[in-house]
Amino acid sequence: MNRTSSASHNLPLAAAMGLLALGVSGAAFYGWLRFGSSILLSLGETGLSWCL
């Protein structure tokens, strides 16, 4: 009968993990928008842009 109580703890854990993944993805996207051109230029200067 108490099996539903353990399943009810999965929803907040999944929501917290989803928010954490969204935050990390958002930070990576912001970093790419902020520093993407300099990353690309520095890779192009060293010739590593063709290896990606």
PDB file of N, CA and C in Angstrom:
ATOM      1  N   MET A   1       0.798  -1.207   0.000  1.00  0.00           N
ATOM      2  CA  MET A   1       0.000   0.000   0.000  1.00  0.00           C
ATOM      3  C   MET A   1       0.840   1.271   0.000  1.00  0.00           C
ATOM      4  N   ASN A   2       2.032   1.210   0.528  1.00  0.00           N
ATOM      5  CA  ASN A   2       2.869   2.400   0.612  1.00  0.00           C
ATOM      6  C   ASN A   2       3.801   2.549  -0.578  1.00  0.00           C
ATOM      7  N   ARG A   3       3.562   1.838  -1.639  1.00  0.00           N
ATOM      8  CA  ARG A   3       4.406   1.947  -2.822  1.00  0.00           C
ATOM      9  C   ARG A   3       4.256   3.305  -3.507  1.00  0.00           C
ATOM     10  N   THR A   4       3.110   3.932  -3.391  1.00  0.00           N
ATOM     11  CA  THR A   4       2.896   5.229  -4.036  1.00  0.00           C
ATOM     12  C   THR A   4       3.689   6.344  -3.346  1.00  0.00           C
ATOM     13  N   SER A   5       3.997   6.172  -2.052  1.00  0.00           N
ATOM     14  CA  SER A   5       4.740   7.217  -1.369  1.00  0.00           C
ATOM     15  C   SER A   5       6.178   7.309  -1.889  1.00  0.00           C
ATOM     16  N   SER A   6       6.801   6.178  -2.248  1.00  0.00           N
ATOM     17  CA  SER A   6       8.143   6.244  -2.794  1.00  0.00           C
ATOM     18  C   SER A   6       8.121   6.800  -4.219  1.00  0.00           C
ATOM     19  N   ALA A   7       7.057   6.545  -4.960  1.00  0.00           N
ATOM     20  CA  ALA A   7       6.933   7.076  -6.313  1.00  0.00           C
ATOM     21  C   ALA A   7       6.679   8.582  -6.286  1.00  0.00           C
ATOM     22  N   SER A   8       6.085   9.070  -5.220  1.00  0.00           N
ATOM     23  CA  SER A   8       5.812  10.505  -5.138  1.00  0.00           C
ATOM     24  C   SER A   8       7.092  11.304  -4.917  1.00  0.00           C
ATOM     25  N   HIS A   9       8.160  10.671  -4.448  1.00  0.00           N
ATOM     26  CA  HIS A   9       9.431  11.365  -4.261  1.00  0.00           C
ATOM     27  C   HIS A   9      10.209  11.479  -5.566  1.00  0.00           C
ATOM     28  N   ASN A  10       9.826  10.721  -6.557  1.00  0.00           N
ATOM     29  CA  ASN A  10      10.539  10.764  -7.828  1.00  0.00           C
ATOM     30  C   ASN A  10      10.239  12.038  -8.616  1.00  0.00           C
ATOM     31  N   LEU A  11       9.046  12.570  -8.492  1.00  0.00           N
ATOM     32  CA  LEU A  11       8.684  13.768  -9.243  1.00  0.00           C
ATOM     33  C   LEU A  11       9.506  14.986  -8.833  1.00  0.00           C
ATOM     34  N   PRO A  12       9.642  15.306  -7.549  1.00  0.00           N
ATOM     35  CA  PRO A  12      10.491  16.466  -7.208  1.00  0.00           C
ATOM     36  C   PRO A  12      11.957  16.251  -7.580  1.00  0.00           C
ATOM     37  N   LEU A  13      12.438  15.020  -7.476  1.00  0.00           N
ATOM     38  CA  LEU A  13      13.809  14.729  -7.860  1.00  0.00           C
ATOM     39  C   LEU A  13      13.996  14.907  -9.354  1.00  0.00           C
ATOM     40  N   ALA A  14      13.053  14.443 -10.147  1.00  0.00           N
ATOM     41  CA  ALA A  14      13.129  14.613 -11.599  1.00  0.00           C
ATOM     42  C   ALA A  14      13.019  16.087 -11.978  1.00  0.00           C
ATOM     43  N   ALA A  15      12.180  16.827 -11.288  1.00  0.00           N
ATOM     44  CA  ALA A  15      12.049  18.261 -11.561  1.00  0.00           C
ATOM     45  C   ALA A  15      13.333  19.005 -11.209  1.00  0.00           C
ATOM     46  N   ALA A  16      13.959  18.643 -10.097  1.00  0.00           N
ATOM     47  CA  ALA A  16      15.212  19.282  -9.705  1.00  0.00           C
ATOM     48  C   ALA A  16      16.322  18.954 -10.698  1.00  0.00           C
ATOM     49  N   MET A  17      16.383  17.716 -11.143  1.00  0.00           N
ATOM     50  CA  MET A  17      17.394  17.333 -12.128  1.00  0.00           C
ATOM     51  C   MET A  17      17.144  18.035 -13.456  1.00  0.00           C
ATOM     52  N   GLY A  18      15.887  18.195 -13.839  1.00  0.00           N
ATOM     53  CA  GLY A  18      15.553  18.913 -15.064  1.00  0.00           C
ATOM     54  C   GLY A  18      15.948  20.376 -14.988  1.00  0.00           C
ATOM     55  N   LEU A  19      15.696  20.994 -13.841  1.00  0.00           N
ATOM     56  CA  LEU A  19      16.090  22.396 -13.668  1.00  0.00           C
ATOM     57  C   LEU A  19      17.602  22.555 -13.652  1.00  0.00           C
ATOM     58  N   LEU A  20      18.301  21.607 -13.066  1.00  0.00           N
ATOM     59  CA  LEU A  20      19.752  21.644 -13.070  1.00  0.00           C
ATOM     60  C   LEU A  20      20.303  21.504 -14.486  1.00  0.00           C
ATOM     61  N   ALA A  21      19.746  20.575 -15.254  1.00  0.00           N
ATOM     62  CA  ALA A  21      20.176  20.399 -16.644  1.00  0.00           C
ATOM     63  C   ALA A  21      19.860  21.641 -17.473  1.00  0.00           C
ATOM     64  N   LEU A  22      18.714  22.245 -17.228  1.00  0.00           N
ATOM     65  CA  LEU A  22      18.350  23.465 -17.937  1.00  0.00           C
ATOM     66  C   LEU A  22      19.301  24.607 -17.578  1.00  0.00           C
ATOM     67  N   GLY A  23      19.691  24.705 -16.327  1.00  0.00           N
ATOM     68  CA  GLY A  23      20.624  25.748 -15.913  1.00  0.00           C
ATOM     69  C   GLY A  23      22.001  25.567 -16.527  1.00  0.00           C
ATOM     70  N   VAL A  24      22.487  24.323 -16.553  1.00  0.00           N
ATOM     71  CA  VAL A  24      23.793  24.061 -17.157  1.00  0.00           C
ATOM     72  C   VAL A  24      23.747  24.336 -18.652  1.00  0.00           C
ATOM     73  N   SER A  25      22.671  23.925 -19.308  1.00  0.00           N
ATOM     74  CA  SER A  25      22.533  24.183 -20.744  1.00  0.00           C
ATOM     75  C   SER A  25      22.436  25.670 -21.031  1.00  0.00           C
ATOM     76  N   GLY A  26      21.710  26.391 -20.203  1.00  0.00           N
ATOM     77  CA  GLY A  26      21.601  27.831 -20.370  1.00  0.00           C
ATOM     78  C   GLY A  26      22.933  28.538 -20.170  1.00  0.00           C
ATOM     79  N   ALA A  27      23.713  28.078 -19.195  1.00  0.00           N
ATOM     80  CA  ALA A  27      25.028  28.680 -18.969  1.00  0.00           C
ATOM     81  C   ALA A  27      25.969  28.394 -20.143  1.00  0.00           C
ATOM     82  N   ALA A  28      25.902  27.188 -20.682  1.00  0.00           N
ATOM     83  CA  ALA A  28      26.741  26.851 -21.832  1.00  0.00           C
ATOM     84  C   ALA A  28      26.331  27.667 -23.058  1.00  0.00           C
ATOM     85  N   PHE A  29      25.038  27.850 -23.255  1.00  0.00           N
ATOM     86  CA  PHE A  29      24.564  28.648 -24.381  1.00  0.00           C
ATOM     87  C   PHE A  29      24.969  30.104 -24.238  1.00  0.00           C
ATOM     88  N   TYR A  30      24.867  30.643 -23.036  1.00  0.00           N
ATOM     89  CA  TYR A  30      25.298  32.017 -22.799  1.00  0.00           C
ATOM     90  C   TYR A  30      26.798  32.159 -23.033  1.00  0.00           C
ATOM     91  N   GLY A  31      27.563  31.183 -22.589  1.00  0.00           N
ATOM     92  CA  GLY A  31      29.002  31.216 -22.811  1.00  0.00           C
ATOM     93  C   GLY A  31      29.352  31.177 -24.283  1.00  0.00           C
ATOM     94  N   TRP A  32      28.588  30.381 -25.050  1.00  0.00           N
ATOM     95  CA  TRP A  32      28.848  30.338 -26.492  1.00  0.00           C
ATOM     96  C   TRP A  32      28.488  31.667 -27.153  1.00  0.00           C
ATOM     97  N   LEU A  33      27.391  32.275 -26.745  1.00  0.00           N
ATOM     98  CA  LEU A  33      27.023  33.576 -27.300  1.00  0.00           C
ATOM     99  C   LEU A  33      28.044  34.648 -26.920  1.00  0.00           C
ATOM    100  N   ARG A  34      28.548  34.581 -25.705  1.00  0.00           N
ATOM    101  CA  ARG A  34      29.469  35.609 -25.212  1.00  0.00           C
ATOM    102  C   ARG A  34      30.873  35.428 -25.778  1.00  0.00           C
ATOM    103  N   PHE A  35      31.368  34.174 -25.839  1.00  0.00           N
ATOM    104  CA  PHE A  35      32.759  33.934 -26.192  1.00  0.00           C
ATOM    105  C   PHE A  35      32.923  33.084 -27.437  1.00  0.00           C
ATOM    106  N   GLY A  36      31.861  32.820 -28.173  1.00  0.00           N
ATOM    107  CA  GLY A  36      31.932  31.941 -29.328  1.00  0.00           C
ATOM    108  C   GLY A  36      32.813  32.460 -30.439  1.00  0.00           C
ATOM    109  N   SER A  37      32.748  33.747 -30.711  1.00  0.00           N
ATOM    110  CA  SER A  37      33.560  34.291 -31.796  1.00  0.00           C
ATOM    111  C   SER A  37      35.042  34.215 -31.465  1.00  0.00           C
ATOM    112  N   SER A  38      35.412  34.499 -30.227  1.00  0.00           N
ATOM    113  CA  SER A  38      36.829  34.402 -29.880  1.00  0.00           C
ATOM    114  C   SER A  38      37.304  32.958 -29.824  1.00  0.00           C
ATOM    115  N   ILE A  39      36.427  32.020 -29.456  1.00  0.00           N
ATOM    116  CA  ILE A  39      36.789  30.607 -29.503  1.00  0.00           C
ATOM    117  C   ILE A  39      37.050  30.195 -30.945  1.00  0.00           C
ATOM    118  N   LEU A  40      36.163  30.580 -31.829  1.00  0.00           N
ATOM    119  CA  LEU A  40      36.314  30.221 -33.239  1.00  0.00           C
ATOM    120  C   LEU A  40      37.556  30.859 -33.850  1.00  0.00           C
ATOM    121  N   LEU A  41      37.815  32.109 -33.525  1.00  0.00           N
ATOM    122  CA  LEU A  41      39.001  32.775 -34.052  1.00  0.00           C
ATOM    123  C   LEU A  41      40.300  32.153 -33.527  1.00  0.00           C
ATOM    124  N   SER A  42      40.325  31.818 -32.249  1.00  0.00           N
ATOM    125  CA  SER A  42      41.541  31.216 -31.715  1.00  0.00           C
ATOM    126  C   SER A  42      41.763  29.823 -32.287  1.00  0.00           C
ATOM    127  N   LEU A  43      40.700  29.065 -32.521  1.00  0.00           N
ATOM    128  CA  LEU A  43      40.855  27.754 -33.160  1.00  0.00           C
ATOM    129  C   LEU A  43      41.283  27.914 -34.611  1.00  0.00           C
ATOM    130  N   GLY A  44      40.769  28.914 -35.288  1.00  0.00           N
ATOM    131  CA  GLY A  44      41.160  29.153 -36.667  1.00  0.00           C
ATOM    132  C   GLY A  44      42.601  29.578 -36.803  1.00  0.00           C
ATOM    133  N   GLU A  45      43.090  30.344 -35.828  1.00  0.00           N
ATOM    134  CA  GLU A  45      44.483  30.782 -35.873  1.00  0.00           C
ATOM    135  C   GLU A  45      45.446  29.612 -35.698  1.00  0.00           C
ATOM    136  N   THR A  46      45.054  28.641 -34.917  1.00  0.00           N
ATOM    137  CA  THR A  46      45.952  27.502 -34.676  1.00  0.00           C
ATOM    138  C   THR A  46      45.708  26.364 -35.666  1.00  0.00           C
ATOM    139  N   GLY A  47      44.703  26.484 -36.502  1.00  0.00           N
ATOM    140  CA  GLY A  47      44.436  25.458 -37.490  1.00  0.00           C
ATOM    141  C   GLY A  47      43.604  24.299 -36.972  1.00  0.00           C
ATOM    142  N   LEU A  48      43.117  24.408 -35.746  1.00  0.00           N
ATOM    143  CA  LEU A  48      42.341  23.313 -35.185  1.00  0.00           C
ATOM    144  C   LEU A  48      40.864  23.351 -35.556  1.00  0.00           C
ATOM    145  N   SER A  49      40.432  24.427 -36.190  1.00  0.00           N
ATOM    146  CA  SER A  49      39.017  24.508 -36.546  1.00  0.00           C
ATOM    147  C   SER A  49      38.629  23.475 -37.581  1.00  0.00           C
ATOM    148  N   TRP A  50      39.576  23.007 -38.376  1.00  0.00           N
ATOM    149  CA  TRP A  50      39.275  21.989 -39.371  1.00  0.00           C
ATOM    150  C   TRP A  50      39.201  20.601 -38.760  1.00  0.00           C
ATOM    151  N   CYS A  51      39.705  20.442 -37.548  1.00  0.00           N
ATOM    152  CA  CYS A  51      39.670  19.136 -36.880  1.00  0.00           C
ATOM    153  C   CYS A  51      38.338  18.893 -36.181  1.00  0.00           C
ATOM    154  N   LEU A  52      37.548  19.920 -35.993  1.00  0.00           N
ATOM    155  CA  LEU A  52      36.267  19.749 -35.315  1.00  0.00           C
ATOM    156  C   LEU A  52      35.310  19.197 -36.304  1.00  0.00           C
TER     157      LEU A  52
END
